[in-house]
Amino acid sequence: MSTATFRFMLFAVLAASLFTGCKLDTGSETAPKPAVRMPASETKAETPPTPEPAAQKALAAGSGNWSAPAPALPRTPLAGLRAKYEKIPAATDADKTLLGIAKHQLARGELESAAQSLEQLQEKFPLSPLYTESVFYRGLALQAADRHDEAWISLRSSLSKETSPERRALLEASLGAVYEMRGEPFPALLSYARALRSDRKIFGKKILIGRIEALAGEIAPHRLRTAAEKYAGTPAGMYLHAALSDREQKDKPDKTARDDAPPKSAAEEAKVPMAVYSGRVGIMLPLSGALGAAGGRVYDGIRLALRHSLAKYPNLRVQLAVRDTKSTAQSAGDAAKVAAELIEKEKALALIGPLITEAAEGAAQVANRQKIPMLTPFALRMRMRPDFPWVFRNSLTNRLQAQGVASYAIRYLGLRRFAVLYPADRDGIELTDAFTQAVENLGGEVVKIVSFPENATDFRSQMLALGGMDDRQLRRRKRSLGLGRSDPYQIPLNFEALFVPVRHEEAVLIAPQVLFYNMRAVRLLGGSGWNDPRLLEHGERYVEGAVFVDGFFADSTEPKVARFVNDFKSIFGRTPDIFSALGYDAAQIIFAAIAAGAKTREGVRRHLASLRGFEGVMGLTDMGADNDARRQLFVLSVEKKKIRHLQMVAPHRTFAGGARPGENALLSPPPPTQ
């Protein structure tokens, strides 16, 4: 057959296929396969959803909350993708197959299954070009499935990389829904506002506007004003300004009201001074069992506080009623029973403790119902409730730590761009969340967020994800740039500092790998978990220059701290730790209230609620509007193989609504440590 004849026949076949609508079977994998008959139940399970435009169908339709639109479906049916993956799970395009399966599952509303498929993609193919895509869809799926803490990380990670305005709008809206469901109205409002700014045609625009209007009525006036000014001229701006105008009209003082009327409780105080023993303070701590040592250290701090208070206030009359809660990290123990006994039998004026969240929450129910002030010196995970005005906390929270290191890094070190490497556990997620928010509020940017599993010891994939290179990759890069082996070259990174919210055990594993993967011009940042002598012993030169914060530093030369440490050592024979410091300051706050004349439970409660500028061994302390203590933190750094105290920072006075005129978040540095 001649070449001309062959070409004529091929043209004729192609023309016929176009006119008849037939498709050629080329023998490729994408060619349509003959239909296979299946049982009715199987057919129902595998039939794709009724075609519906993605812009009109939400992932969590009917939930009442905003959720993203369903993605466009791949050409290959779900059954075909599943069969392909099951047959060859290690195929070169298995990551693409998993992503296709997840998209089908999202379109069907199978959110948990989709999240699992995307997680499988990330675990098996950490270097896949589809990894970023999988993080994007997993964040949307987790938010729609109400798995908010997990969703936050995926959404934040996607936002740190995403450049498409349309996709950024979806991520911001989804992030707003996460914040709202977590009970954080102000970050939710800002995320919704950014979503509308990013894309005027965003999916579910009416829902977002409705949420902005609703949240504007919940947040504090100064925050609403901040948001309205920040987003003036954007689609959300007019709704925020309208809400601000309504709020200002409602908040105008009523001229008929008596502003100078004394609070009812003040009149009652004189009538009921004998309702309690005015000098008796109930102590609720785990003094036996697994937590007995920690509870004992807190109690030692309380005992020293009593000694110092009696010396300071000669007329002070205080008696401690001590009870063992017998609680564990997983159990409230006898906390509620002990609280009731101290209230009803001991007639305590105030309560200090319990220590652990579960125990504190049990005792808080009793304390709030019986209207007695309770100040817990720890209870790190306890949620502070606005309907529990009698419950207070004097602790070092994850949020405070993250705000402290962000504030110091931006306002003192002048850093602006950050990456985060965090463990995928509860503390890691909370610290990453708070750090990212703090950085953004201070005008900085978190450009990368990378996680690692619990108990990890090798961080190769994480270092590569951050932009690092091993020596072989670095040599290859230098050759491609025409550089010799000995020519200097620094990997271009888009961040200046790396926040690693871990304990010292992980820090000493991660710090060397940062240098091993040739990320040299990076400042390491951390939280209180870094403050341990073993960081120096095992971290060696790799942790030199690292900056971290803590609520207490026993080697500080600040006079109040030095006196506390010296007296503690002389009485108890050991150096106090942060548990002892927390107990000491909590007790000092209660004793100061009694010394100031508070003889009723209401009087102590008012003293606690109005606490401002209390000088403790953990720095200056204010009581927040949510009854959670806000305090200065010790900024620490590794210098010449020693942990040194650089400065004090008060992060709560840095952010909106926290500072008084003339106050600064960064105070004068202390004398150098010896």
Foldseek 3Di string as FASTA:
>chain_A
DDPVVVVVVVVVVVVVCVVVVHDDCPVDPPDDDDDDDDPPVVCVVFPQPDDDDQLVAFLQPPPLADAHGQDDADPDGLVVLVVVCVVPVPDPCNLVSLQNNLSSCSSVSVLVVSLVSLVVSCVVCVPDPCVLVSLLSNLRSCLSVVVLLVSLQSLQQNCLADDQLQSLLNSLQSNLSSCVVVVNLLSSLLSLLSSCQSDVPHRPNVNSLVSNLVSLVVDDLLSLVVSLVVSPPTPNNVSSVVSSVVVVVVPDDDPVDDPPDDDPVVVCCVVPLPLAFQAEEEEEEACDDPCNVLRVLLVLLLVVLVVVLCVVQVPFDHDYDYDHQNADLVALRNLCVSLVCCCPPNRGQAYEDDEAQRVLVNNLVNCQVSVFAYEYLDNQPHDQDPSRLRYFYNYCHLLLFLLFQLCCCCVPVVFAEEEEEEEPDDSRSSNVVSNQVNSVQSRHHYNHYHYDYPPDQDCVSVLVSQPFAALVVVCVVCVVVVHDPPDDDAGDGPGQEYEYADALVVVLRVLVVNVNSRNPRYAYEYEPNNPDLVSLVRNPPSQARHKGKDQADCQAPPPQSVVSQVVSCVPVVDGRDVSSQSSNVVSNQQSVQSSVPDSHSVSSSVSQCQDFQDQGNSAGWGQDNSNYIFGKIFMWGQHPSDIWTFFIFRSQCVGRPRNDPPDDRTDDRGDTGD
